[in-house]
């Protein structure tokens, strides 16, 4: 099972949020649908702009805490190192899982 640390943005260079989860597509969907009231719902933060996988929940949690201590410029550099145009990666994850070359396979939840 994989665990994830992720960054969401309200828009390119907008408000940022860092979190961790074991079900990335489900959790990002919850942010997008404003299932829970809180920071992301209040500020419209729902664009998945960066994520990384970890082998253990504790690793994902520690990475989240590390990134939350960073200043904004460091977070922006982290995002832009892999996603320079701030594309919403959620659309790619969902599209790949449902329409990609492996769509007929039973894939683990990201």
C-alpha atoms as a PDB file:
ATOM      1  CA  UNK A   1       0.000   0.000   0.000  1.00  0.00           C
ATOM      2  CA  UNK A   2       1.259   3.484  -0.845  1.00  0.00           C
ATOM      3  CA  UNK A   3       0.912   6.658   1.185  1.00  0.00           C
ATOM      4  CA  UNK A   4       1.140  10.139  -0.283  1.00  0.00           C
ATOM      5  CA  UNK A   5       2.225  13.631   0.641  1.00  0.00           C
ATOM      6  CA  UNK A   6       0.601  16.230  -1.590  1.00  0.00           C
ATOM      7  CA  UNK A   7       0.291  19.934  -2.307  1.00  0.00           C
ATOM      8  CA  UNK A   8      -2.892  21.615  -3.485  1.00  0.00           C
ATOM      9  CA  UNK A   9      -3.241  25.136  -4.858  1.00  0.00           C
ATOM     10  CA  UNK A  10      -6.195  27.432  -5.445  1.00  0.00           C
ATOM     11  CA  UNK A  11      -4.640  28.486  -8.785  1.00  0.00           C
ATOM     12  CA  UNK A  12      -1.122  28.807 -10.193  1.00  0.00           C
ATOM     13  CA  UNK A  13       0.846  30.736  -7.543  1.00  0.00           C
ATOM     14  CA  UNK A  14      -2.296  30.835  -5.390  1.00  0.00           C
ATOM     15  CA  UNK A  15      -2.987  29.643  -1.875  1.00  0.00           C
ATOM     16  CA  UNK A  16      -1.195  26.379  -0.989  1.00  0.00           C
ATOM     17  CA  UNK A  17      -2.163  23.448   1.232  1.00  0.00           C
ATOM     18  CA  UNK A  18      -0.071  20.419   2.214  1.00  0.00           C
ATOM     19  CA  UNK A  19      -1.499  17.100   3.385  1.00  0.00           C
ATOM     20  CA  UNK A  20      -0.953  13.353   3.452  1.00  0.00           C
ATOM     21  CA  UNK A  21      -3.239  10.400   2.710  1.00  0.00           C
ATOM     22  CA  UNK A  22      -3.344   6.759   1.682  1.00  0.00           C
ATOM     23  CA  UNK A  23      -6.047   7.346  -0.963  1.00  0.00           C
ATOM     24  CA  UNK A  24      -4.892  10.267  -3.081  1.00  0.00           C
ATOM     25  CA  UNK A  25      -7.716  10.383  -5.628  1.00  0.00           C
ATOM     26  CA  UNK A  26     -10.376  10.039  -2.918  1.00  0.00           C
ATOM     27  CA  UNK A  27      -8.826  12.706  -0.712  1.00  0.00           C
ATOM     28  CA  UNK A  28      -8.351  15.203  -3.532  1.00  0.00           C
ATOM     29  CA  UNK A  29     -11.926  14.555  -4.624  1.00  0.00           C
ATOM     30  CA  UNK A  30     -13.060  15.396  -1.084  1.00  0.00           C
ATOM     31  CA  UNK A  31     -11.151  18.686  -1.258  1.00  0.00           C
ATOM     32  CA  UNK A  32     -12.671  19.471  -4.662  1.00  0.00           C
ATOM     33  CA  UNK A  33     -16.204  18.726  -3.465  1.00  0.00           C
ATOM     34  CA  UNK A  34     -15.684  20.630  -0.190  1.00  0.00           C
ATOM     35  CA  UNK A  35     -16.826  17.573   1.796  1.00  0.00           C
ATOM     36  CA  UNK A  36     -15.225  18.981   4.952  1.00  0.00           C
ATOM     37  CA  UNK A  37     -15.405  22.590   6.036  1.00  0.00           C
ATOM     38  CA  UNK A  38     -12.004  24.020   6.729  1.00  0.00           C
ATOM     39  CA  UNK A  39      -9.066  25.724   5.102  1.00  0.00           C
ATOM     40  CA  UNK A  40      -9.309  24.171   1.631  1.00  0.00           C
ATOM     41  CA  UNK A  41     -13.066  24.704   1.401  1.00  0.00           C
ATOM     42  CA  UNK A  42     -12.831  28.283   2.674  1.00  0.00           C
ATOM     43  CA  UNK A  43     -10.067  29.298   0.264  1.00  0.00           C
ATOM     44  CA  UNK A  44     -10.990  27.143  -2.759  1.00  0.00           C
ATOM     45  CA  UNK A  45      -7.807  25.082  -2.634  1.00  0.00           C
ATOM     46  CA  UNK A  46      -8.430  22.001  -4.783  1.00  0.00           C
ATOM     47  CA  UNK A  47      -5.867  21.846  -7.612  1.00  0.00           C
ATOM     48  CA  UNK A  48      -3.432  18.931  -7.091  1.00  0.00           C
ATOM     49  CA  UNK A  49      -0.093  20.395  -8.163  1.00  0.00           C
ATOM     50  CA  UNK A  50       2.439  18.026  -6.549  1.00  0.00           C
ATOM     51  CA  UNK A  51       2.568  14.675  -4.791  1.00  0.00           C
ATOM     52  CA  UNK A  52       5.019  11.949  -3.850  1.00  0.00           C
ATOM     53  CA  UNK A  53       4.519   8.349  -2.764  1.00  0.00           C
ATOM     54  CA  UNK A  54       5.902   6.765   0.405  1.00  0.00           C
ATOM     55  CA  UNK A  55       6.068   3.184   1.595  1.00  0.00           C
ATOM     56  CA  UNK A  56       4.847   3.927   5.118  1.00  0.00           C
ATOM     57  CA  UNK A  57       2.237   6.251   6.616  1.00  0.00           C
ATOM     58  CA  UNK A  58       4.810   7.716   9.024  1.00  0.00           C
ATOM     59  CA  UNK A  59       7.071   8.733   6.138  1.00  0.00           C
ATOM     60  CA  UNK A  60       4.222  10.595   4.417  1.00  0.00           C
ATOM     61  CA  UNK A  61       3.273  12.293   7.699  1.00  0.00           C
ATOM     62  CA  UNK A  62       6.864  13.366   8.423  1.00  0.00           C
ATOM     63  CA  UNK A  63       7.266  14.747   4.898  1.00  0.00           C
ATOM     64  CA  UNK A  64       4.011  16.715   5.275  1.00  0.00           C
ATOM     65  CA  UNK A  65       5.248  18.225   8.549  1.00  0.00           C
ATOM     66  CA  UNK A  66       8.607  19.059   6.962  1.00  0.00           C
ATOM     67  CA  UNK A  67       6.997  20.832   3.997  1.00  0.00           C
ATOM     68  CA  UNK A  68       4.547  22.735   6.225  1.00  0.00           C
ATOM     69  CA  UNK A  69       7.545  24.339   7.956  1.00  0.00           C
ATOM     70  CA  UNK A  70       9.008  25.538   4.644  1.00  0.00           C
ATOM     71  CA  UNK A  71       8.595  29.059   3.374  1.00  0.00           C
ATOM     72  CA  UNK A  72       6.411  29.652   0.332  1.00  0.00           C
ATOM     73  CA  UNK A  73       9.316  30.035  -2.121  1.00  0.00           C
ATOM     74  CA  UNK A  74      10.615  26.550  -1.279  1.00  0.00           C
ATOM     75  CA  UNK A  75       7.151  25.046  -1.836  1.00  0.00           C
ATOM     76  CA  UNK A  76       6.826  26.823  -5.186  1.00  0.00           C
ATOM     77  CA  UNK A  77      10.242  25.476  -6.247  1.00  0.00           C
ATOM     78  CA  UNK A  78       9.201  21.956  -5.236  1.00  0.00           C
ATOM     79  CA  UNK A  79       6.050  22.221  -7.353  1.00  0.00           C
ATOM     80  CA  UNK A  80       7.763  23.782 -10.351  1.00  0.00           C
ATOM     81  CA  UNK A  81      10.583  21.215 -10.385  1.00  0.00           C
ATOM     82  CA  UNK A  82       8.045  18.594 -11.519  1.00  0.00           C
ATOM     83  CA  UNK A  83       5.041  20.643 -12.618  1.00  0.00           C
ATOM     84  CA  UNK A  84       6.274  23.980 -14.051  1.00  0.00           C
ATOM     85  CA  UNK A  85       2.896  24.911 -15.550  1.00  0.00           C
ATOM     86  CA  UNK A  86       0.911  24.035 -12.405  1.00  0.00           C
ATOM     87  CA  UNK A  87      -1.286  21.529 -14.270  1.00  0.00           C
ATOM     88  CA  UNK A  88      -4.002  19.918 -12.137  1.00  0.00           C
ATOM     89  CA  UNK A  89      -2.522  16.430 -11.700  1.00  0.00           C
ATOM     90  CA  UNK A  90      -5.805  15.054 -10.382  1.00  0.00           C
ATOM     91  CA  UNK A  91      -7.269  15.116 -13.881  1.00  0.00           C
ATOM     92  CA  UNK A  92      -4.302  13.106 -15.164  1.00  0.00           C
ATOM     93  CA  UNK A  93      -4.559  10.561 -12.329  1.00  0.00           C
ATOM     94  CA  UNK A  94      -8.269  10.023 -12.823  1.00  0.00           C
ATOM     95  CA  UNK A  95      -7.987  10.020 -16.617  1.00  0.00           C
ATOM     96  CA  UNK A  96      -5.084   7.593 -16.598  1.00  0.00           C
ATOM     97  CA  UNK A  97      -6.867   5.201 -14.259  1.00  0.00           C
ATOM     98  CA  UNK A  98     -10.126   5.222 -16.226  1.00  0.00           C
ATOM     99  CA  UNK A  99      -8.980   5.708 -19.836  1.00  0.00           C
ATOM    100  CA  UNK A 100      -5.318   4.785 -19.983  1.00  0.00           C
ATOM    101  CA  UNK A 101      -3.705   1.666 -21.425  1.00  0.00           C
ATOM    102  CA  UNK A 102      -4.329  -0.237 -18.207  1.00  0.00           C
ATOM    103  CA  UNK A 103      -7.982   0.783 -17.817  1.00  0.00           C
ATOM    104  CA  UNK A 104      -9.162  -2.828 -17.950  1.00  0.00           C
ATOM    105  CA  UNK A 105      -7.046  -3.797 -14.973  1.00  0.00           C
ATOM    106  CA  UNK A 106      -8.019  -3.493 -11.359  1.00  0.00           C
ATOM    107  CA  UNK A 107      -5.674  -0.765 -10.148  1.00  0.00           C
ATOM    108  CA  UNK A 108      -4.974  -0.006  -6.508  1.00  0.00           C
ATOM    109  CA  UNK A 109      -6.462   3.241  -5.236  1.00  0.00           C
ATOM    110  CA  UNK A 110      -3.895   6.035  -5.539  1.00  0.00           C
END
